Every structure is written in C-alpha cells, then in structure tokens.
C-alpha atoms as a PDB file:
ATOM      1  CA  UNK A   1     149.325  82.031 132.925  1.00  0.00           C
ATOM      2  CA  UNK A   2     147.928  82.006 136.545  1.00  0.00           C
ATOM      3  CA  UNK A   3     144.935  79.059 135.075  1.00  0.00           C
ATOM      4  CA  UNK A   4     143.433  78.935 138.366  1.00  0.00           C
ATOM      5  CA  UNK A   5     142.204  83.244 137.937  1.00  0.00           C
ATOM      6  CA  UNK A   6     141.903  82.656 134.191  1.00  0.00           C
ATOM      7  CA  UNK A   7     138.627  79.519 135.096  1.00  0.00           C
ATOM      8  CA  UNK A   8     138.130  82.008 137.633  1.00  0.00           C
ATOM      9  CA  UNK A   9     137.120  84.918 135.562  1.00  0.00           C
ATOM     10  CA  UNK A  10     135.240  82.890 132.938  1.00  0.00           C
ATOM     11  CA  UNK A  11     133.078  81.572 135.396  1.00  0.00           C
ATOM     12  CA  UNK A  12     132.157  84.702 137.282  1.00  0.00           C
ATOM     13  CA  UNK A  13     132.053  86.692 133.105  1.00  0.00           C
ATOM     14  CA  UNK A  14     129.341  83.735 132.282  1.00  0.00           C
ATOM     15  CA  UNK A  15     127.545  84.615 135.268  1.00  0.00           C
ATOM     16  CA  UNK A  16     123.562  85.438 134.054  1.00  0.00           C
ATOM     17  CA  UNK A  17     123.011  89.164 135.519  1.00  0.00           C
ATOM     18  CA  UNK A  18     119.437  90.901 137.346  1.00  0.00           C
ATOM     19  CA  UNK A  19     119.688  94.326 138.243  1.00  0.00           C
ATOM     20  CA  UNK A  20     123.034  94.628 138.442  1.00  0.00           C
ATOM     21  CA  UNK A  21     123.596  91.305 140.894  1.00  0.00           C
ATOM     22  CA  UNK A  22     123.406  87.906 140.332  1.00  0.00           C
ATOM     23  CA  UNK A  23     120.493  86.414 139.670  1.00  0.00           C
ATOM     24  CA  UNK A  24     121.453  82.971 141.642  1.00  0.00           C
ATOM     25  CA  UNK A  25     122.346  82.963 144.850  1.00  0.00           C
ATOM     26  CA  UNK A  26     125.464  81.162 145.289  1.00  0.00           C
ATOM     27  CA  UNK A  27     123.538  79.176 148.324  1.00  0.00           C
ATOM     28  CA  UNK A  28     121.627  77.645 145.909  1.00  0.00           C
ATOM     29  CA  UNK A  29     123.625  77.041 143.065  1.00  0.00           C
ATOM     30  CA  UNK A  30     124.048  73.490 142.714  1.00  0.00           C
ATOM     31  CA  UNK A  31     127.289  71.289 144.432  1.00  0.00           C
ATOM     32  CA  UNK A  32     129.982  71.913 141.828  1.00  0.00           C
ATOM     33  CA  UNK A  33     133.848  69.095 141.571  1.00  0.00           C
ATOM     34  CA  UNK A  34     136.894  70.931 141.948  1.00  0.00           C
ATOM     35  CA  UNK A  35     138.294  72.024 138.698  1.00  0.00           C
ATOM     36  CA  UNK A  36     142.025  71.552 140.432  1.00  0.00           C
ATOM     37  CA  UNK A  37     143.094  69.486 143.221  1.00  0.00           C
ATOM     38  CA  UNK A  38     146.016  69.828 143.817  1.00  0.00           C
ATOM     39  CA  UNK A  39     148.998  71.764 141.131  1.00  0.00           C
ATOM     40  CA  UNK A  40     147.670  70.345 138.035  1.00  0.00           C
ATOM     41  CA  UNK A  41     148.225  72.135 134.964  1.00  0.00           C
ATOM     42  CA  UNK A  42     144.890  72.374 133.046  1.00  0.00           C
ATOM     43  CA  UNK A  43     141.325  71.653 135.121  1.00  0.00           C
ATOM     44  CA  UNK A  44     138.770  69.194 135.151  1.00  0.00           C
ATOM     45  CA  UNK A  45     136.770  70.051 132.731  1.00  0.00           C
ATOM     46  CA  UNK A  46     138.993  70.751 130.344  1.00  0.00           C
ATOM     47  CA  UNK A  47     139.475  69.262 126.570  1.00  0.00           C
ATOM     48  CA  UNK A  48     143.010  68.304 126.391  1.00  0.00           C
ATOM     49  CA  UNK A  49     143.970  68.360 122.266  1.00  0.00           C
ATOM     50  CA  UNK A  50     147.220  67.802 122.891  1.00  0.00           C
ATOM     51  CA  UNK A  51     149.080  66.682 125.796  1.00  0.00           C
ATOM     52  CA  UNK A  52     153.094  65.881 124.670  1.00  0.00           C
ATOM     53  CA  UNK A  53     152.851  62.776 123.031  1.00  0.00           C
ATOM     54  CA  UNK A  54     149.277  62.163 121.757  1.00  0.00           C
ATOM     55  CA  UNK A  55     148.306  64.284 118.822  1.00  0.00           C
ATOM     56  CA  UNK A  56     144.901  62.234 118.094  1.00  0.00           C
ATOM     57  CA  UNK A  57     142.976  65.812 118.660  1.00  0.00           C
ATOM     58  CA  UNK A  58     144.447  67.049 115.362  1.00  0.00           C
ATOM     59  CA  UNK A  59     144.400  66.088 111.270  1.00  0.00           C
ATOM     60  CA  UNK A  60     146.056  68.039 108.269  1.00  0.00           C
ATOM     61  CA  UNK A  61     142.963  70.884 106.780  1.00  0.00           C
ATOM     62  CA  UNK A  62     141.403  68.276 104.799  1.00  0.00           C
ATOM     63  CA  UNK A  63     140.628  66.303 107.582  1.00  0.00           C
ATOM     64  CA  UNK A  64     141.811  63.535 106.311  1.00  0.00           C
ATOM     65  CA  UNK A  65     145.400  62.069 107.165  1.00  0.00           C
ATOM     66  CA  UNK A  66     147.191  62.234 110.055  1.00  0.00           C
ATOM     67  CA  UNK A  67     149.654  65.467 111.025  1.00  0.00           C
ATOM     68  CA  UNK A  68     152.817  65.557 110.185  1.00  0.00           C
ATOM     69  CA  UNK A  69     154.528  67.419 112.370  1.00  0.00           C
ATOM     70  CA  UNK A  70     157.446  65.733 114.733  1.00  0.00           C
ATOM     71  CA  UNK A  71     155.931  64.476 118.315  1.00  0.00           C
ATOM     72  CA  UNK A  72     159.032  64.405 120.831  1.00  0.00           C
ATOM     73  CA  UNK A  73     160.257  65.107 124.485  1.00  0.00           C
ATOM     74  CA  UNK A  74     156.834  66.445 125.431  1.00  0.00           C
ATOM     75  CA  UNK A  75     155.993  69.135 122.599  1.00  0.00           C
ATOM     76  CA  UNK A  76     155.327  68.951 118.675  1.00  0.00           C
ATOM     77  CA  UNK A  77     157.210  71.028 116.243  1.00  0.00           C
ATOM     78  CA  UNK A  78     155.617  72.501 112.924  1.00  0.00           C
ATOM     79  CA  UNK A  79     156.335  70.829 109.268  1.00  0.00           C
ATOM     80  CA  UNK A  80     154.880  69.624 106.364  1.00  0.00           C
ATOM     81  CA  UNK A  81     151.511  71.937 106.661  1.00  0.00           C
ATOM     82  CA  UNK A  82     148.798  73.340 108.939  1.00  0.00           C
ATOM     83  CA  UNK A  83     147.196  71.145 110.890  1.00  0.00           C
ATOM     84  CA  UNK A  84     143.414  72.161 112.478  1.00  0.00           C
ATOM     85  CA  UNK A  85     141.858  70.378 115.622  1.00  0.00           C
ATOM     86  CA  UNK A  86     138.672  67.861 113.925  1.00  0.00           C
ATOM     87  CA  UNK A  87     136.316  68.962 116.965  1.00  0.00           C
ATOM     88  CA  UNK A  88     134.262  71.835 116.237  1.00  0.00           C
ATOM     89  CA  UNK A  89     134.435  74.271 118.352  1.00  0.00           C
ATOM     90  CA  UNK A  90     132.397  78.026 118.988  1.00  0.00           C
ATOM     91  CA  UNK A  91     132.974  79.888 122.225  1.00  0.00           C
ATOM     92  CA  UNK A  92     136.006  78.739 123.901  1.00  0.00           C
ATOM     93  CA  UNK A  93     138.585  79.005 126.471  1.00  0.00           C
ATOM     94  CA  UNK A  94     142.188  77.613 124.651  1.00  0.00           C
ATOM     95  CA  UNK A  95     145.050  77.521 126.261  1.00  0.00           C
ATOM     96  CA  UNK A  96     148.915  76.339 124.499  1.00  0.00           C
ATOM     97  CA  UNK A  97     152.152  76.846 125.124  1.00  0.00           C
ATOM     98  CA  UNK A  98     154.855  77.890 122.536  1.00  0.00           C
ATOM     99  CA  UNK A  99     158.556  77.955 121.764  1.00  0.00           C
ATOM    100  CA  UNK A 100     159.657  79.998 119.437  1.00  0.00           C
ATOM    101  CA  UNK A 101     163.209  79.610 117.665  1.00  0.00           C
ATOM    102  CA  UNK A 102     166.134  82.285 117.854  1.00  0.00           C
ATOM    103  CA  UNK A 103     166.142  82.894 114.052  1.00  0.00           C
ATOM    104  CA  UNK A 104     168.525  86.273 114.115  1.00  0.00           C
ATOM    105  CA  UNK A 105     169.613  86.831 110.850  1.00  0.00           C
ATOM    106  CA  UNK A 106     165.229  86.648 109.755  1.00  0.00           C
ATOM    107  CA  UNK A 107     163.574  89.638 110.276  1.00  0.00           C
ATOM    108  CA  UNK A 108     160.271  90.587 110.708  1.00  0.00           C
ATOM    109  CA  UNK A 109     157.519  88.105 109.693  1.00  0.00           C
ATOM    110  CA  UNK A 110     159.734  85.448 108.285  1.00  0.00           C
ATOM    111  CA  UNK A 111     161.286  85.312 112.428  1.00  0.00           C
ATOM    112  CA  UNK A 112     159.186  82.945 114.070  1.00  0.00           C
ATOM    113  CA  UNK A 113     156.051  82.998 112.343  1.00  0.00           C
ATOM    114  CA  UNK A 114     153.748  80.888 112.658  1.00  0.00           C
ATOM    115  CA  UNK A 115     149.693  81.385 113.898  1.00  0.00           C
ATOM    116  CA  UNK A 116     146.043  79.934 116.277  1.00  0.00           C
ATOM    117  CA  UNK A 117     142.988  80.028 114.394  1.00  0.00           C
ATOM    118  CA  UNK A 118     139.977  80.683 116.240  1.00  0.00           C
ATOM    119  CA  UNK A 119     137.408  78.817 114.573  1.00  0.00           C
ATOM    120  CA  UNK A 120     140.018  78.354 111.466  1.00  0.00           C
ATOM    121  CA  UNK A 121     138.670  82.624 111.541  1.00  0.00           C
ATOM    122  CA  UNK A 122     140.515  84.185 113.632  1.00  0.00           C
ATOM    123  CA  UNK A 123     143.811  84.501 114.239  1.00  0.00           C
ATOM    124  CA  UNK A 124     146.268  84.766 116.903  1.00  0.00           C
ATOM    125  CA  UNK A 125     149.353  86.203 115.559  1.00  0.00           C
ATOM    126  CA  UNK A 126     152.693  84.001 116.308  1.00  0.00           C
ATOM    127  CA  UNK A 127     155.903  85.767 116.636  1.00  0.00           C
ATOM    128  CA  UNK A 128     159.621  86.625 117.500  1.00  0.00           C
ATOM    129  CA  UNK A 129     158.625  90.169 118.139  1.00  0.00           C
ATOM    130  CA  UNK A 130     160.787  90.044 121.622  1.00  0.00           C
ATOM    131  CA  UNK A 131     160.975  94.008 122.251  1.00  0.00           C
ATOM    132  CA  UNK A 132     159.639  95.424 119.146  1.00  0.00           C
ATOM    133  CA  UNK A 133     156.466  98.220 119.680  1.00  0.00           C
ATOM    134  CA  UNK A 134     153.421  96.772 119.333  1.00  0.00           C
ATOM    135  CA  UNK A 135     151.542  96.532 115.663  1.00  0.00           C
ATOM    136  CA  UNK A 136     149.025  94.748 114.043  1.00  0.00           C
ATOM    137  CA  UNK A 137     150.999  92.213 112.340  1.00  0.00           C
ATOM    138  CA  UNK A 138     153.460  91.104 114.516  1.00  0.00           C
ATOM    139  CA  UNK A 139     153.412  88.878 117.841  1.00  0.00           C
ATOM    140  CA  UNK A 140     149.869  88.686 119.660  1.00  0.00           C
ATOM    141  CA  UNK A 141     148.248  90.808 117.167  1.00  0.00           C
ATOM    142  CA  UNK A 142     144.570  90.177 115.795  1.00  0.00           C
ATOM    143  CA  UNK A 143     146.553  89.800 112.650  1.00  0.00           C
ATOM    144  CA  UNK A 144     144.735  92.389 109.967  1.00  0.00           C
ATOM    145  CA  UNK A 145     142.744  93.715 113.210  1.00  0.00           C
ATOM    146  CA  UNK A 146     144.058  94.853 116.248  1.00  0.00           C
ATOM    147  CA  UNK A 147     147.698  95.449 117.958  1.00  0.00           C
ATOM    148  CA  UNK A 148     148.333  94.000 121.523  1.00  0.00           C
ATOM    149  CA  UNK A 149     148.001  96.489 124.103  1.00  0.00           C
ATOM    150  CA  UNK A 150     151.595  95.556 124.510  1.00  0.00           C
ATOM    151  CA  UNK A 151     154.247  93.307 123.853  1.00  0.00           C
ATOM    152  CA  UNK A 152     154.391  90.683 126.978  1.00  0.00           C
ATOM    153  CA  UNK A 153     157.065  88.777 124.778  1.00  0.00           C
ATOM    154  CA  UNK A 154     159.864  87.056 126.292  1.00  0.00           C
ATOM    155  CA  UNK A 155     162.555  86.156 124.476  1.00  0.00           C
ATOM    156  CA  UNK A 156     163.095  83.542 121.399  1.00  0.00           C
ATOM    157  CA  UNK A 157     163.920  79.744 122.892  1.00  0.00           C
ATOM    158  CA  UNK A 158     161.547  80.658 126.123  1.00  0.00           C
ATOM    159  CA  UNK A 159     158.324  78.677 126.827  1.00  0.00           C
ATOM    160  CA  UNK A 160     154.811  81.540 126.314  1.00  0.00           C
ATOM    161  CA  UNK A 161     151.559  81.379 126.693  1.00  0.00           C
ATOM    162  CA  UNK A 162     148.467  81.545 124.785  1.00  0.00           C
ATOM    163  CA  UNK A 163     145.174  82.112 127.520  1.00  0.00           C
ATOM    164  CA  UNK A 164     141.936  83.454 124.661  1.00  0.00           C
ATOM    165  CA  UNK A 165     138.388  83.748 125.661  1.00  0.00           C
ATOM    166  CA  UNK A 166     136.382  83.510 122.130  1.00  0.00           C
ATOM    167  CA  UNK A 167     133.117  84.432 121.842  1.00  0.00           C
ATOM    168  CA  UNK A 168     132.093  83.065 118.346  1.00  0.00           C
ATOM    169  CA  UNK A 169     130.039  85.275 115.983  1.00  0.00           C
ATOM    170  CA  UNK A 170     126.413  85.427 116.578  1.00  0.00           C
ATOM    171  CA  UNK A 171     123.280  85.020 113.614  1.00  0.00           C
ATOM    172  CA  UNK A 172     120.204  84.176 113.628  1.00  0.00           C
ATOM    173  CA  UNK A 173     117.653  81.596 111.852  1.00  0.00           C
ATOM    174  CA  UNK A 174     117.635  83.481 108.225  1.00  0.00           C
ATOM    175  CA  UNK A 175     121.702  82.836 109.147  1.00  0.00           C
ATOM    176  CA  UNK A 176     121.856  86.725 108.945  1.00  0.00           C
ATOM    177  CA  UNK A 177     124.928  87.752 110.721  1.00  0.00           C
ATOM    178  CA  UNK A 178     123.702  89.369 114.191  1.00  0.00           C
ATOM    179  CA  UNK A 179     127.256  90.011 116.200  1.00  0.00           C
ATOM    180  CA  UNK A 180     131.179  90.000 115.559  1.00  0.00           C
ATOM    181  CA  UNK A 181     132.767  87.423 116.950  1.00  0.00           C
ATOM    182  CA  UNK A 182     134.670  88.808 119.930  1.00  0.00           C
ATOM    183  CA  UNK A 183     138.593  88.177 121.777  1.00  0.00           C
ATOM    184  CA  UNK A 184     140.340  88.361 125.018  1.00  0.00           C
ATOM    185  CA  UNK A 185     143.253  87.261 124.969  1.00  0.00           C
ATOM    186  CA  UNK A 186     146.370  87.221 127.533  1.00  0.00           C
ATOM    187  CA  UNK A 187     149.481  86.762 127.262  1.00  0.00           C
ATOM    188  CA  UNK A 188     152.087  85.202 129.311  1.00  0.00           C
ATOM    189  CA  UNK A 189     149.522  86.259 131.918  1.00  0.00           C
ATOM    190  CA  UNK A 190     148.685  90.095 130.848  1.00  0.00           C
ATOM    191  CA  UNK A 191     145.910  91.424 128.704  1.00  0.00           C
ATOM    192  CA  UNK A 192     146.423  92.347 125.139  1.00  0.00           C
ATOM    193  CA  UNK A 193     143.367  92.602 123.652  1.00  0.00           C
ATOM    194  CA  UNK A 194     139.921  93.086 125.764  1.00  0.00           C
ATOM    195  CA  UNK A 195     136.879  91.441 124.379  1.00  0.00           C
ATOM    196  CA  UNK A 196     137.851  93.312 121.009  1.00  0.00           C
ATOM    197  CA  UNK A 197     135.482  93.132 118.520  1.00  0.00           C
ATOM    198  CA  UNK A 198     136.082  91.319 115.224  1.00  0.00           C
ATOM    199  CA  UNK A 199     134.903  91.896 112.000  1.00  0.00           C
ATOM    200  CA  UNK A 200     135.448  89.377 110.056  1.00  0.00           C
ATOM    201  CA  UNK A 201     137.825  86.422 109.477  1.00  0.00           C
ATOM    202  CA  UNK A 202     141.600  87.395 109.053  1.00  0.00           C
ATOM    203  CA  UNK A 203     143.933  86.717 106.666  1.00  0.00           C
ATOM    204  CA  UNK A 204     144.478  83.511 105.658  1.00  0.00           C
ATOM    205  CA  UNK A 205     141.375  82.097 107.381  1.00  0.00           C
ATOM    206  CA  UNK A 206     139.946  78.217 106.683  1.00  0.00           C
ATOM    207  CA  UNK A 207     137.646  78.483 103.752  1.00  0.00           C
ATOM    208  CA  UNK A 208     134.134  78.221 105.956  1.00  0.00           C
ATOM    209  CA  UNK A 209     130.321  79.203 106.963  1.00  0.00           C
ATOM    210  CA  UNK A 210     131.233  80.624 110.276  1.00  0.00           C
ATOM    211  CA  UNK A 211     128.055  80.684 110.750  1.00  0.00           C
ATOM    212  CA  UNK A 212     128.483  76.769 113.378  1.00  0.00           C
ATOM    213  CA  UNK A 213     131.775  75.692 114.708  1.00  0.00           C
ATOM    214  CA  UNK A 214     135.196  75.436 113.709  1.00  0.00           C
ATOM    215  CA  UNK A 215     137.659  74.225 113.959  1.00  0.00           C
ATOM    216  CA  UNK A 216     141.086  75.750 116.035  1.00  0.00           C
ATOM    217  CA  UNK A 217     144.054  76.080 112.878  1.00  0.00           C
ATOM    218  CA  UNK A 218     147.726  76.471 114.207  1.00  0.00           C
ATOM    219  CA  UNK A 219     149.521  77.505 110.990  1.00  0.00           C
ATOM    220  CA  UNK A 220     153.106  76.245 109.222  1.00  0.00           C
ATOM    221  CA  UNK A 221     154.677  79.708 107.764  1.00  0.00           C
ATOM    222  CA  UNK A 222     157.623  77.547 107.593  1.00  0.00           C
ATOM    223  CA  UNK A 223     159.734  77.145 111.191  1.00  0.00           C
ATOM    224  CA  UNK A 224     159.831  75.419 113.779  1.00  0.00           C
ATOM    225  CA  UNK A 225     157.661  76.237 116.308  1.00  0.00           C
ATOM    226  CA  UNK A 226     157.177  74.565 119.393  1.00  0.00           C
ATOM    227  CA  UNK A 227     153.167  73.826 121.087  1.00  0.00           C
ATOM    228  CA  UNK A 228     153.015  71.278 123.853  1.00  0.00           C
ATOM    229  CA  UNK A 229     149.686  71.329 126.572  1.00  0.00           C
ATOM    230  CA  UNK A 230     146.919  72.495 124.786  1.00  0.00           C
ATOM    231  CA  UNK A 231     143.606  73.324 125.507  1.00  0.00           C
ATOM    232  CA  UNK A 232     140.179  74.075 125.947  1.00  0.00           C
ATOM    233  CA  UNK A 233     137.235  74.583 128.027  1.00  0.00           C
ATOM    234  CA  UNK A 234     134.240  75.185 125.883  1.00  0.00           C
ATOM    235  CA  UNK A 235     131.565  77.807 127.459  1.00  0.00           C
ATOM    236  CA  UNK A 236     128.338  78.447 127.310  1.00  0.00           C
END
C-alpha cells in the first residue's frame, strides 16, 4: 500500500467543509512537520504497536500477562491465545502486515484463520481465500456484515497488508447510540470496503461497552499466522 497516499487521503477526508469548499485556507494553516523524510515504512506521527522486536504494546486478553506469541526474524507468530493492545482507541488508521502459511489440506475457515478487531469489537477477517470469490466470512470480510468488493488476496506464504480507517460508534450524553461504527479497508493497496456501516459487534468480539475506547485485538484461531509492522494513527 502507498502509505503516503493513504495518509494524504485521511488528511483530506478530515478537513472541515463549508459550502462545498475548505473552511480553512491552507496558506493560513500552522506549519506541519513532515510525515516522511525519505522512504520510511510508517509516517512520523504513527504510534508503533509492533516493530518486529518489541511486543510491550500487547498483552493477553485479560490484560494481565505478557503475550506468549513467538517473536523472531522481525515478525510475531500466533500461539497460546488471542492478544490485545494495552492502549485503547476510538477512531484510528490501522496498518498491519500478515503472512499466511500454506495449509493445502485444510478447507474453508480452517485455512490460515485469524482476524483483527477494531475497538475489540469489529473484525476484519484474516484467511487464506486466494482465488476464491468474495464472501461474508472469507478473507478481508467485515465478518458477518459485508464481503469485500473484490478479493485482493495474495497467495499464502506472501506478506500482505491491511490499511483500515475506522470510525467508532457515537453515543449521546445518556449513552444512547446515535451512529454506528464505520470502516474503510484497503487490502494489498486495493479498496475493498468503502465507509461501510457496522450495526454492532461482530462474532467473537470482546465483551465490552462500545461507548468507550477499546483495544485492537488479534485473534488466535489455532493457525501459525505471522504479523509485522503494525501501527496506528489516532484520527481527530
């Protein structure tokens, strides 16, 4: 994924509009430090969740233990249970890279299965669905809510990327839901979900209130999925 392009799109989408034009004149805006100075793999304002070595941003689901996942050669590999971030988030841009093993004898949901949950509640499915038609429970689906517009999967044993723009649900002062969560997803640089509304938590979500910030969770589904270069940018 062209990270500079994604970051620029996030910035443009966040600009306030009035009468169809930007309310602020760029010439009057305060100076901004560059997000990139060369060929960095992440913008300067990103909060790094995993850099290939340090897993201190992650904990077990109960929030009490270091994660049991294997860490080597710049990646971490699923084993011993699902994990979540120690920090909690609402609106974010999330980038993560993952690698799926070839499980030639497995079928369907048993074929290199995992998932990433925004706010601990809304899953983007991770699965080896290479060459399959888009489905509501296959690779890159917002699980049980929306299949991807196209299947942008690479073959197994190839590094892949998700870039996710997530807007958390909104609640009024009394805690009443006034707007559902929404999500835009790029899979290997291809837009596969465009501002999709999510009516509620997806399957196997954490049991938690949706009116407060929540962690990012990565699911252990019993398969040795690898992850690297995970970072977020909280969105204003």
